[in-house]
Amino acid sequence: MKILVVDDAPEISILMEDILNPLGFEVDSAPSAERALEKIRKSKPDLILLDVMMPGKDGYEFCADLKKSDFRKIPVIFVSVKRDKSEIEKGLKLGAADYVTKPFDPDDLVKRVQRVLGERK
């Protein structure tokens, strides 16, 4: 299954690849919403792991746009340092399947990814 990590911090993308690749996931990354959309059109990922704070369009705007597009069925899990209850609720109201706060526990991230992907079957 293909996962697209959308985060402007390369170290986060690399960390997620290191966690998910050994489990058989094909992980790609994009540093911005604009680049993510290009990759979504080409590879149609099964899941998007999305940061909130990015240059240009932020993760909330990107998720809202995605959920109005032909790609609306691709599940999104926010992965962000924003941890206020209101921020988490905002992400979920925009259509995200889950919301993980940074720093995250790798095992917890894997469980959430597997749960969301399992729901797609």
N, C-alpha and C. Protein backbone atom coordinates (compact mmCIF):
# COMPACT_ATOMS: atom_id res chain seq x y z
N MET A 1 0.84 -1.18 0.00
CA MET A 1 0.00 0.00 0.00
C MET A 1 0.89 1.25 0.00
N LYS A 2 0.41 2.27 -0.67
CA LYS A 2 1.18 3.50 -0.83
C LYS A 2 0.75 4.56 0.18
N ILE A 3 1.74 5.16 0.81
CA ILE A 3 1.51 6.24 1.77
C ILE A 3 2.29 7.46 1.32
N LEU A 4 1.62 8.61 1.32
CA LEU A 4 2.28 9.87 1.00
C LEU A 4 2.41 10.69 2.28
N VAL A 5 3.64 11.04 2.63
CA VAL A 5 3.91 11.89 3.78
C VAL A 5 4.06 13.31 3.25
N VAL A 6 3.23 14.22 3.78
CA VAL A 6 3.30 15.62 3.36
C VAL A 6 3.75 16.43 4.57
N ASP A 7 5.03 16.80 4.55
CA ASP A 7 5.64 17.51 5.68
C ASP A 7 6.84 18.29 5.15
N ASP A 8 6.96 19.55 5.55
CA ASP A 8 8.07 20.37 5.06
C ASP A 8 9.39 20.08 5.79
N ALA A 9 9.33 19.26 6.83
CA ALA A 9 10.55 18.88 7.57
C ALA A 9 11.05 17.54 7.04
N PRO A 10 12.16 17.54 6.29
CA PRO A 10 12.65 16.29 5.71
C PRO A 10 12.93 15.20 6.74
N GLU A 11 13.37 15.60 7.94
CA GLU A 11 13.68 14.60 8.95
C GLU A 11 12.44 13.82 9.39
N ILE A 12 11.27 14.47 9.36
CA ILE A 12 10.03 13.78 9.72
C ILE A 12 9.66 12.78 8.62
N SER A 13 9.77 13.21 7.38
CA SER A 13 9.48 12.31 6.26
C SER A 13 10.39 11.09 6.29
N ILE A 14 11.68 11.31 6.54
CA ILE A 14 12.63 10.21 6.60
C ILE A 14 12.30 9.28 7.76
N LEU A 15 11.96 9.85 8.91
CA LEU A 15 11.59 9.04 10.07
C LEU A 15 10.38 8.16 9.75
N MET A 16 9.36 8.74 9.13
CA MET A 16 8.16 7.96 8.80
C MET A 16 8.50 6.86 7.78
N GLU A 17 9.35 7.17 6.82
CA GLU A 17 9.79 6.15 5.86
C GLU A 17 10.51 5.01 6.59
N ASP A 18 11.39 5.36 7.53
CA ASP A 18 12.14 4.36 8.29
C ASP A 18 11.22 3.47 9.13
N ILE A 19 10.12 4.04 9.59
CA ILE A 19 9.16 3.28 10.40
C ILE A 19 8.27 2.40 9.53
N LEU A 20 7.79 2.95 8.40
CA LEU A 20 6.76 2.27 7.61
C LEU A 20 7.28 1.38 6.48
N ASN A 21 8.41 1.73 5.89
CA ASN A 21 8.95 0.90 4.79
C ASN A 21 9.21 -0.55 5.20
N PRO A 22 9.84 -0.79 6.37
CA PRO A 22 10.10 -2.19 6.75
C PRO A 22 8.83 -3.03 6.94
N LEU A 23 7.68 -2.36 7.09
CA LEU A 23 6.42 -3.07 7.27
C LEU A 23 5.74 -3.35 5.94
N GLY A 24 6.41 -2.99 4.85
CA GLY A 24 5.87 -3.28 3.53
C GLY A 24 5.13 -2.14 2.87
N PHE A 25 5.09 -0.98 3.51
CA PHE A 25 4.42 0.16 2.91
C PHE A 25 5.38 0.85 1.94
N GLU A 26 4.83 1.34 0.84
CA GLU A 26 5.60 2.12 -0.13
C GLU A 26 5.39 3.59 0.25
N VAL A 27 6.43 4.23 0.78
CA VAL A 27 6.30 5.59 1.31
C VAL A 27 6.98 6.59 0.39
N ASP A 28 6.24 7.64 0.06
CA ASP A 28 6.78 8.75 -0.72
C ASP A 28 6.53 10.01 0.10
N SER A 29 7.20 11.10 -0.25
CA SER A 29 7.01 12.32 0.53
C SER A 29 6.94 13.53 -0.38
N ALA A 30 6.34 14.59 0.17
CA ALA A 30 6.22 15.87 -0.51
C ALA A 30 6.38 16.96 0.54
N PRO A 31 7.13 18.03 0.22
CA PRO A 31 7.39 19.09 1.20
C PRO A 31 6.31 20.17 1.27
N SER A 32 5.30 20.09 0.40
CA SER A 32 4.26 21.13 0.37
C SER A 32 2.97 20.56 -0.19
N ALA A 33 1.89 21.30 0.01
CA ALA A 33 0.59 20.88 -0.53
C ALA A 33 0.63 20.81 -2.05
N GLU A 34 1.29 21.78 -2.66
CA GLU A 34 1.34 21.83 -4.11
C GLU A 34 2.05 20.59 -4.68
N ARG A 35 3.20 20.24 -4.10
CA ARG A 35 3.94 19.06 -4.55
C ARG A 35 3.14 17.78 -4.24
N ALA A 36 2.45 17.79 -3.11
CA ALA A 36 1.64 16.62 -2.74
C ALA A 36 0.57 16.35 -3.78
N LEU A 37 -0.08 17.40 -4.24
CA LEU A 37 -1.14 17.23 -5.24
C LEU A 37 -0.58 16.61 -6.53
N GLU A 38 0.59 17.04 -6.93
CA GLU A 38 1.24 16.46 -8.11
C GLU A 38 1.45 14.95 -7.91
N LYS A 39 1.95 14.59 -6.72
CA LYS A 39 2.22 13.18 -6.44
C LYS A 39 0.94 12.36 -6.31
N ILE A 40 -0.10 12.97 -5.76
CA ILE A 40 -1.39 12.27 -5.63
C ILE A 40 -1.94 11.96 -7.00
N ARG A 41 -1.86 12.91 -7.91
CA ARG A 41 -2.36 12.70 -9.27
C ARG A 41 -1.61 11.55 -9.96
N LYS A 42 -0.30 11.45 -9.72
CA LYS A 42 0.52 10.43 -10.38
C LYS A 42 0.37 9.05 -9.74
N SER A 43 0.45 9.00 -8.40
CA SER A 43 0.55 7.68 -7.76
C SER A 43 -0.69 7.23 -6.99
N LYS A 44 -1.66 8.11 -6.79
CA LYS A 44 -2.90 7.77 -6.07
C LYS A 44 -2.62 6.95 -4.80
N PRO A 45 -2.06 7.59 -3.78
CA PRO A 45 -1.73 6.86 -2.55
C PRO A 45 -2.98 6.33 -1.84
N ASP A 46 -2.75 5.34 -1.00
CA ASP A 46 -3.84 4.75 -0.21
C ASP A 46 -4.09 5.53 1.08
N LEU A 47 -3.11 6.35 1.48
CA LEU A 47 -3.20 7.11 2.73
C LEU A 47 -2.27 8.31 2.64
N ILE A 48 -2.69 9.41 3.27
CA ILE A 48 -1.85 10.61 3.34
C ILE A 48 -1.61 10.94 4.81
N LEU A 49 -0.33 11.07 5.18
CA LEU A 49 0.07 11.55 6.50
C LEU A 49 0.43 13.01 6.32
N LEU A 50 -0.32 13.90 6.96
CA LEU A 50 -0.29 15.33 6.63
C LEU A 50 0.05 16.21 7.82
N ASP A 51 1.06 17.03 7.65
CA ASP A 51 1.42 18.04 8.65
C ASP A 51 0.44 19.21 8.52
N VAL A 52 0.28 19.97 9.58
CA VAL A 52 -0.59 21.15 9.54
C VAL A 52 0.19 22.38 9.08
N MET A 53 1.32 22.64 9.74
CA MET A 53 2.06 23.86 9.47
C MET A 53 3.09 23.64 8.36
N MET A 54 2.79 24.22 7.20
CA MET A 54 3.68 24.12 6.05
C MET A 54 3.68 25.45 5.31
N PRO A 55 4.72 25.71 4.54
CA PRO A 55 4.73 26.94 3.75
C PRO A 55 3.64 26.89 2.67
N GLY A 56 3.13 28.04 2.30
CA GLY A 56 2.05 28.07 1.31
C GLY A 56 0.76 27.61 1.95
N LYS A 57 0.08 26.72 1.29
CA LYS A 57 -1.19 26.19 1.81
C LYS A 57 -0.92 25.29 3.00
N ASP A 58 -1.59 25.54 4.13
CA ASP A 58 -1.37 24.68 5.30
C ASP A 58 -2.15 23.38 5.17
N GLY A 59 -1.90 22.48 6.10
CA GLY A 59 -2.52 21.16 6.04
C GLY A 59 -4.04 21.20 6.13
N TYR A 60 -4.59 22.11 6.92
CA TYR A 60 -6.04 22.21 7.02
C TYR A 60 -6.65 22.60 5.68
N GLU A 61 -6.07 23.61 5.04
CA GLU A 61 -6.57 24.05 3.72
C GLU A 61 -6.45 22.92 2.71
N PHE A 62 -5.30 22.24 2.73
CA PHE A 62 -5.07 21.15 1.79
C PHE A 62 -6.08 20.03 1.99
N CYS A 63 -6.33 19.66 3.24
CA CYS A 63 -7.29 18.60 3.54
C CYS A 63 -8.70 19.00 3.07
N ALA A 64 -9.08 20.24 3.34
CA ALA A 64 -10.40 20.71 2.92
C ALA A 64 -10.53 20.64 1.40
N ASP A 65 -9.50 21.08 0.68
CA ASP A 65 -9.53 21.02 -0.78
C ASP A 65 -9.58 19.58 -1.27
N LEU A 66 -8.78 18.73 -0.65
CA LEU A 66 -8.73 17.32 -1.04
C LEU A 66 -10.09 16.66 -0.89
N LYS A 67 -10.79 16.97 0.21
CA LYS A 67 -12.08 16.33 0.49
C LYS A 67 -13.19 16.84 -0.44
N LYS A 68 -12.91 17.88 -1.22
CA LYS A 68 -13.87 18.38 -2.22
C LYS A 68 -13.47 17.93 -3.62
N SER A 69 -12.41 17.15 -3.73
CA SER A 69 -11.87 16.78 -5.04
C SER A 69 -12.18 15.32 -5.39
N ASP A 70 -11.66 14.91 -6.53
CA ASP A 70 -11.81 13.52 -6.95
C ASP A 70 -11.04 12.56 -6.05
N PHE A 71 -10.16 13.11 -5.22
CA PHE A 71 -9.34 12.30 -4.32
C PHE A 71 -9.90 12.26 -2.90
N ARG A 72 -11.15 12.64 -2.73
CA ARG A 72 -11.76 12.78 -1.39
C ARG A 72 -11.79 11.48 -0.59
N LYS A 73 -11.72 10.33 -1.29
CA LYS A 73 -11.79 9.05 -0.58
C LYS A 73 -10.45 8.61 0.00
N ILE A 74 -9.37 9.31 -0.35
CA ILE A 74 -8.07 8.96 0.23
C ILE A 74 -8.06 9.42 1.68
N PRO A 75 -7.89 8.50 2.63
CA PRO A 75 -7.89 8.92 4.04
C PRO A 75 -6.66 9.76 4.39
N VAL A 76 -6.88 10.67 5.31
CA VAL A 76 -5.83 11.57 5.79
C VAL A 76 -5.66 11.38 7.29
N ILE A 77 -4.42 11.26 7.73
CA ILE A 77 -4.11 11.31 9.15
C ILE A 77 -3.22 12.54 9.34
N PHE A 78 -3.69 13.49 10.15
CA PHE A 78 -2.85 14.63 10.47
C PHE A 78 -1.76 14.19 11.44
N VAL A 79 -0.56 14.69 11.24
CA VAL A 79 0.56 14.45 12.15
C VAL A 79 1.17 15.83 12.41
N SER A 80 0.89 16.38 13.61
CA SER A 80 1.23 17.78 13.85
C SER A 80 1.66 18.05 15.29
N VAL A 81 2.42 19.14 15.45
CA VAL A 81 2.78 19.60 16.80
C VAL A 81 1.60 20.31 17.45
N LYS A 82 0.61 20.69 16.66
CA LYS A 82 -0.58 21.35 17.22
C LYS A 82 -1.37 20.31 17.99
N ARG A 83 -1.45 20.51 19.29
CA ARG A 83 -2.05 19.47 20.11
C ARG A 83 -3.27 19.93 20.91
N ASP A 84 -3.68 21.19 20.74
CA ASP A 84 -4.87 21.66 21.44
C ASP A 84 -6.09 20.87 20.96
N LYS A 85 -7.02 20.67 21.86
CA LYS A 85 -8.23 19.94 21.52
C LYS A 85 -8.94 20.58 20.33
N SER A 86 -8.96 21.90 20.29
CA SER A 86 -9.64 22.60 19.19
C SER A 86 -8.96 22.32 17.84
N GLU A 87 -7.63 22.18 17.85
CA GLU A 87 -6.90 21.89 16.61
C GLU A 87 -7.22 20.47 16.13
N ILE A 88 -7.25 19.54 17.07
CA ILE A 88 -7.56 18.15 16.72
C ILE A 88 -8.98 18.05 16.17
N GLU A 89 -9.93 18.72 16.84
CA GLU A 89 -11.32 18.72 16.38
C GLU A 89 -11.44 19.33 14.99
N LYS A 90 -10.70 20.41 14.75
CA LYS A 90 -10.72 21.06 13.44
C LYS A 90 -10.28 20.08 12.35
N GLY A 91 -9.18 19.37 12.61
CA GLY A 91 -8.69 18.40 11.63
C GLY A 91 -9.70 17.30 11.36
N LEU A 92 -10.33 16.80 12.40
CA LEU A 92 -11.30 15.72 12.23
C LEU A 92 -12.56 16.21 11.52
N LYS A 93 -12.98 17.45 11.83
CA LYS A 93 -14.16 18.02 11.15
C LYS A 93 -13.91 18.23 9.66
N LEU A 94 -12.66 18.45 9.29
CA LEU A 94 -12.32 18.62 7.88
C LEU A 94 -12.32 17.29 7.12
N GLY A 95 -12.48 16.20 7.84
CA GLY A 95 -12.58 14.90 7.19
C GLY A 95 -11.42 13.96 7.43
N ALA A 96 -10.48 14.36 8.28
CA ALA A 96 -9.34 13.47 8.57
C ALA A 96 -9.84 12.22 9.31
N ALA A 97 -9.18 11.12 9.04
CA ALA A 97 -9.52 9.85 9.70
C ALA A 97 -8.95 9.78 11.10
N ASP A 98 -7.87 10.53 11.36
CA ASP A 98 -7.22 10.50 12.66
C ASP A 98 -6.29 11.71 12.77
N TYR A 99 -5.78 11.91 13.97
CA TYR A 99 -4.89 13.05 14.25
C TYR A 99 -3.86 12.58 15.26
N VAL A 100 -2.59 12.64 14.88
CA VAL A 100 -1.48 12.20 15.74
C VAL A 100 -0.65 13.44 16.08
N THR A 101 -0.27 13.56 17.34
CA THR A 101 0.54 14.71 17.72
C THR A 101 2.02 14.34 17.76
N LYS A 102 2.85 15.31 17.35
CA LYS A 102 4.31 15.17 17.41
C LYS A 102 4.78 15.68 18.75
N PRO A 103 5.79 15.11 19.33
CA PRO A 103 6.45 13.89 18.88
C PRO A 103 5.51 12.69 19.06
N PHE A 104 5.61 11.73 18.17
CA PHE A 104 4.72 10.58 18.22
C PHE A 104 5.50 9.32 18.57
N ASP A 105 4.77 8.37 19.10
CA ASP A 105 5.33 7.05 19.38
C ASP A 105 5.24 6.24 18.09
N PRO A 106 6.34 5.70 17.59
CA PRO A 106 6.30 4.95 16.33
C PRO A 106 5.27 3.81 16.31
N ASP A 107 5.16 3.08 17.43
CA ASP A 107 4.20 1.98 17.48
C ASP A 107 2.77 2.50 17.38
N ASP A 108 2.50 3.64 18.00
CA ASP A 108 1.17 4.23 17.94
C ASP A 108 0.86 4.67 16.51
N LEU A 109 1.83 5.28 15.84
CA LEU A 109 1.62 5.71 14.46
C LEU A 109 1.29 4.49 13.58
N VAL A 110 2.05 3.43 13.74
CA VAL A 110 1.82 2.22 12.94
C VAL A 110 0.41 1.67 13.19
N LYS A 111 0.00 1.61 14.43
CA LYS A 111 -1.35 1.09 14.76
C LYS A 111 -2.43 1.94 14.11
N ARG A 112 -2.24 3.26 14.14
CA ARG A 112 -3.25 4.15 13.54
C ARG A 112 -3.28 4.00 12.02
N VAL A 113 -2.11 3.91 11.41
CA VAL A 113 -2.03 3.71 9.96
C VAL A 113 -2.71 2.39 9.59
N GLN A 114 -2.39 1.33 10.30
CA GLN A 114 -2.99 0.02 10.00
C GLN A 114 -4.50 0.04 10.21
N ARG A 115 -4.96 0.73 11.25
CA ARG A 115 -6.41 0.82 11.50
C ARG A 115 -7.11 1.54 10.35
N VAL A 116 -6.57 2.69 9.97
CA VAL A 116 -7.22 3.47 8.90
C VAL A 116 -7.18 2.71 7.58
N LEU A 117 -6.07 2.11 7.26
CA LEU A 117 -5.98 1.34 6.01
C LEU A 117 -6.86 0.09 6.06
N GLY A 118 -6.98 -0.51 7.23
CA GLY A 118 -7.86 -1.67 7.39
C GLY A 118 -9.32 -1.33 7.16
N GLU A 119 -9.70 -0.10 7.52
CA GLU A 119 -11.07 0.35 7.33
C GLU A 119 -11.39 0.56 5.85
N ARG A 120 -10.37 0.74 5.03
CA ARG A 120 -10.57 0.99 3.60
C ARG A 120 -10.88 -0.28 2.84
N LYS A 121 -10.53 -1.42 3.39
CA LYS A 121 -10.72 -2.69 2.66
C LYS A 121 -12.18 -3.07 2.53
